Amino acid sequence: MAERERGPWLDDAAGRLIRPYTVSNGRTRPSAKFDLLTMVMATGTRAQSHLGPDHVQVLGLCHGPTSVAEIAAHIRLPAVVTKVLLSDLVDCGALTAKAPARLGADSTDRDLLEAVLHGLRARL
């Protein structure tokens, strides 16, 4: 992959050259609550604060509804670091976040779980 395609912060042999805690400025807790299934989407509002390259990369992935887990996979960062970046973007108004729909307290569908278990057993 050409350097301009993968960016200057990736090395084929070493991987990412900047440590995750540097990306999040040492923060380990996002200012907004995110689940891995939380859907985020760009608002189209221009951020008033300066965005770092990782913020810009994340924002570029959010043209349509995208899950936190999917974004973390695309940018190859731990979920907690991704959540910090996303919370920065929500705080500045560049993103909106929607928590996944929660089903009732007794929302377990036994038939579905048994079908999944049966399918897993058949594959193993």
C-alpha atoms as a PDB file:
ATOM      1  CA  MET A   1       0.000   0.000   0.000  1.00  0.00           C
ATOM      2  CA  ALA A   2       1.408   3.403  -0.903  1.00  0.00           C
ATOM      3  CA  GLU A   3       2.252   5.740   1.970  1.00  0.00           C
ATOM      4  CA  ARG A   4      -0.287   8.356   0.884  1.00  0.00           C
ATOM      5  CA  GLU A   5      -3.034   5.670   0.939  1.00  0.00           C
ATOM      6  CA  ARG A   6      -2.254   4.296   4.387  1.00  0.00           C
ATOM      7  CA  GLY A   7      -1.069   7.564   5.875  1.00  0.00           C
ATOM      8  CA  PRO A   8       2.263   8.537   7.390  1.00  0.00           C
ATOM      9  CA  TRP A   9       1.357   7.037  10.782  1.00  0.00           C
ATOM     10  CA  LEU A  10       1.269   3.404   9.628  1.00  0.00           C
ATOM     11  CA  ASP A  11       4.176   1.120   8.932  1.00  0.00           C
ATOM     12  CA  ASP A  12       3.646  -2.267   7.278  1.00  0.00           C
ATOM     13  CA  ALA A  13       5.924  -4.069   9.729  1.00  0.00           C
ATOM     14  CA  ALA A  14       5.286  -2.091  12.921  1.00  0.00           C
ATOM     15  CA  GLY A  15       1.640  -1.124  12.465  1.00  0.00           C
ATOM     16  CA  ARG A  16       0.374   2.133  13.931  1.00  0.00           C
ATOM     17  CA  LEU A  17       3.266   4.369  14.995  1.00  0.00           C
ATOM     18  CA  ILE A  18       1.271   6.531  17.407  1.00  0.00           C
ATOM     19  CA  ARG A  19       0.103   4.962  20.658  1.00  0.00           C
ATOM     20  CA  PRO A  20      -3.658   4.975  21.331  1.00  0.00           C
ATOM     21  CA  TYR A  21      -3.362   7.036  24.523  1.00  0.00           C
ATOM     22  CA  THR A  22      -1.683   9.766  22.461  1.00  0.00           C
ATOM     23  CA  VAL A  23      -4.658   9.865  20.086  1.00  0.00           C
ATOM     24  CA  SER A  24      -7.036  10.437  23.008  1.00  0.00           C
ATOM     25  CA  ASN A  25      -4.675  12.864  24.810  1.00  0.00           C
ATOM     26  CA  GLY A  26      -4.341  10.351  27.632  1.00  0.00           C
ATOM     27  CA  ARG A  27      -8.086  10.279  28.308  1.00  0.00           C
ATOM     28  CA  THR A  28      -9.636   6.907  29.035  1.00  0.00           C
ATOM     29  CA  ARG A  29     -13.249   7.964  29.552  1.00  0.00           C
ATOM     30  CA  PRO A  30     -15.476   9.519  26.900  1.00  0.00           C
ATOM     31  CA  SER A  31     -17.623  12.495  27.909  1.00  0.00           C
ATOM     32  CA  ALA A  32     -20.677  10.837  26.323  1.00  0.00           C
ATOM     33  CA  LYS A  33     -22.002   7.339  26.939  1.00  0.00           C
ATOM     34  CA  PHE A  34     -21.489   4.932  24.035  1.00  0.00           C
ATOM     35  CA  ASP A  35     -22.282   1.273  23.560  1.00  0.00           C
ATOM     36  CA  LEU A  36     -20.483  -0.698  20.847  1.00  0.00           C
ATOM     37  CA  LEU A  37     -23.796  -0.743  18.982  1.00  0.00           C
ATOM     38  CA  THR A  38     -24.430   3.003  19.331  1.00  0.00           C
ATOM     39  CA  MET A  39     -25.018   4.491  15.902  1.00  0.00           C
ATOM     40  CA  VAL A  40     -23.276   7.764  15.069  1.00  0.00           C
ATOM     41  CA  MET A  41     -23.762  10.027  12.082  1.00  0.00           C
ATOM     42  CA  ALA A  42     -22.237  13.287  10.898  1.00  0.00           C
ATOM     43  CA  THR A  43     -24.478  16.322  11.345  1.00  0.00           C
ATOM     44  CA  GLY A  44     -22.902  18.349   8.573  1.00  0.00           C
ATOM     45  CA  THR A  45     -22.077  21.061  11.105  1.00  0.00           C
ATOM     46  CA  ARG A  46     -18.517  22.263  10.924  1.00  0.00           C
ATOM     47  CA  ALA A  47     -16.605  21.727  14.161  1.00  0.00           C
ATOM     48  CA  GLN A  48     -15.723  24.942  15.956  1.00  0.00           C
ATOM     49  CA  SER A  49     -12.638  23.449  17.568  1.00  0.00           C
ATOM     50  CA  HIS A  50      -9.515  22.111  15.882  1.00  0.00           C
ATOM     51  CA  LEU A  51      -9.836  18.476  14.895  1.00  0.00           C
ATOM     52  CA  GLY A  52      -6.853  16.190  14.836  1.00  0.00           C
ATOM     53  CA  PRO A  53      -6.225  13.760  11.978  1.00  0.00           C
ATOM     54  CA  ASP A  54      -7.919  10.917  13.838  1.00  0.00           C
ATOM     55  CA  HIS A  55     -11.033  13.021  14.429  1.00  0.00           C
ATOM     56  CA  VAL A  56     -11.138  13.878  10.731  1.00  0.00           C
ATOM     57  CA  GLN A  57     -10.730  10.208   9.801  1.00  0.00           C
ATOM     58  CA  VAL A  58     -13.569   9.191  12.144  1.00  0.00           C
ATOM     59  CA  LEU A  59     -15.809  11.958  10.847  1.00  0.00           C
ATOM     60  CA  GLY A  60     -15.173  10.741   7.303  1.00  0.00           C
ATOM     61  CA  LEU A  61     -16.565   7.324   8.239  1.00  0.00           C
ATOM     62  CA  CYS A  62     -19.815   8.754   9.570  1.00  0.00           C
ATOM     63  CA  HIS A  63     -21.628   9.979   6.452  1.00  0.00           C
ATOM     64  CA  GLY A  64     -24.358   7.448   7.182  1.00  0.00           C
ATOM     65  CA  PRO A  65     -25.328   5.708  10.417  1.00  0.00           C
ATOM     66  CA  THR A  66     -22.307   3.731  11.589  1.00  0.00           C
ATOM     67  CA  SER A  67     -21.777   1.721  14.768  1.00  0.00           C
ATOM     68  CA  VAL A  68     -19.014   2.455  17.261  1.00  0.00           C
ATOM     69  CA  ALA A  69     -17.663  -1.078  16.763  1.00  0.00           C
ATOM     70  CA  GLU A  70     -17.459  -0.595  12.992  1.00  0.00           C
ATOM     71  CA  ILE A  71     -15.593   2.693  13.357  1.00  0.00           C
ATOM     72  CA  ALA A  72     -13.121   1.157  15.828  1.00  0.00           C
ATOM     73  CA  ALA A  73     -12.448  -1.646  13.354  1.00  0.00           C
ATOM     74  CA  HIS A  74     -11.902   0.755  10.463  1.00  0.00           C
ATOM     75  CA  ILE A  75      -9.466   2.987  12.341  1.00  0.00           C
ATOM     76  CA  ARG A  76      -7.806   0.048  14.093  1.00  0.00           C
ATOM     77  CA  LEU A  77      -7.984   1.536  17.563  1.00  0.00           C
ATOM     78  CA  PRO A  78      -9.365   0.113  20.800  1.00  0.00           C
ATOM     79  CA  ALA A  79     -13.052   0.797  21.377  1.00  0.00           C
ATOM     80  CA  VAL A  80     -12.389   3.025  24.397  1.00  0.00           C
ATOM     81  CA  VAL A  81     -10.114   5.315  22.360  1.00  0.00           C
ATOM     82  CA  THR A  82     -12.676   5.373  19.559  1.00  0.00           C
ATOM     83  CA  LYS A  83     -15.361   6.348  22.079  1.00  0.00           C
ATOM     84  CA  VAL A  84     -13.213   9.256  23.301  1.00  0.00           C
ATOM     85  CA  LEU A  85     -12.778  10.503  19.722  1.00  0.00           C
ATOM     86  CA  LEU A  86     -16.505  10.131  19.054  1.00  0.00           C
ATOM     87  CA  SER A  87     -17.431  11.965  22.252  1.00  0.00           C
ATOM     88  CA  ASP A  88     -15.199  14.866  21.191  1.00  0.00           C
ATOM     89  CA  LEU A  89     -17.080  15.019  17.891  1.00  0.00           C
ATOM     90  CA  VAL A  90     -20.473  14.833  19.617  1.00  0.00           C
ATOM     91  CA  ASP A  91     -19.407  17.584  22.057  1.00  0.00           C
ATOM     92  CA  CYS A  92     -18.489  19.925  19.206  1.00  0.00           C
ATOM     93  CA  GLY A  93     -21.715  19.188  17.318  1.00  0.00           C
ATOM     94  CA  ALA A  94     -20.137  17.362  14.374  1.00  0.00           C
ATOM     95  CA  LEU A  95     -21.811  14.023  15.206  1.00  0.00           C
ATOM     96  CA  THR A  96     -25.075  12.778  16.621  1.00  0.00           C
ATOM     97  CA  ALA A  97     -25.330   9.516  18.512  1.00  0.00           C
ATOM     98  CA  LYS A  98     -28.286   7.201  18.970  1.00  0.00           C
ATOM     99  CA  ALA A  99     -28.154   4.423  21.516  1.00  0.00           C
ATOM    100  CA  PRO A 100     -29.287   0.999  20.363  1.00  0.00           C
ATOM    101  CA  ALA A 101     -32.919   0.167  21.054  1.00  0.00           C
ATOM    102  CA  ARG A 102     -33.316  -1.780  24.256  1.00  0.00           C
ATOM    103  CA  LEU A 103     -35.847  -4.528  24.439  1.00  0.00           C
ATOM    104  CA  GLY A 104     -37.890  -5.275  27.539  1.00  0.00           C
ATOM    105  CA  ALA A 105     -36.403  -6.814  30.667  1.00  0.00           C
ATOM    106  CA  ASP A 106     -37.545 -10.281  29.562  1.00  0.00           C
ATOM    107  CA  SER A 107     -36.642  -9.919  25.908  1.00  0.00           C
ATOM    108  CA  THR A 108     -34.860 -13.252  25.524  1.00  0.00           C
ATOM    109  CA  ASP A 109     -36.309 -15.230  22.651  1.00  0.00           C
ATOM    110  CA  ARG A 110     -35.656 -18.825  23.648  1.00  0.00           C
ATOM    111  CA  ASP A 111     -36.425 -20.148  20.157  1.00  0.00           C
ATOM    112  CA  LEU A 112     -33.896 -17.783  18.612  1.00  0.00           C
ATOM    113  CA  LEU A 113     -31.207 -18.700  21.143  1.00  0.00           C
ATOM    114  CA  GLU A 114     -31.816 -22.414  20.574  1.00  0.00           C
ATOM    115  CA  ALA A 115     -31.608 -21.931  16.803  1.00  0.00           C
ATOM    116  CA  VAL A 116     -28.281 -20.107  17.184  1.00  0.00           C
ATOM    117  CA  LEU A 117     -26.967 -22.841  19.493  1.00  0.00           C
ATOM    118  CA  HIS A 118     -28.095 -25.516  17.023  1.00  0.00           C
ATOM    119  CA  GLY A 119     -26.374 -23.669  14.169  1.00  0.00           C
ATOM    120  CA  LEU A 120     -23.136 -23.338  16.143  1.00  0.00           C
ATOM    121  CA  ARG A 121     -23.136 -27.011  17.072  1.00  0.00           C
ATOM    122  CA  ALA A 122     -23.717 -27.972  13.430  1.00  0.00           C
ATOM    123  CA  ARG A 123     -20.692 -25.916  12.317  1.00  0.00           C
ATOM    124  CA  LEU A 124     -18.350 -27.238  15.019  1.00  0.00           C
END
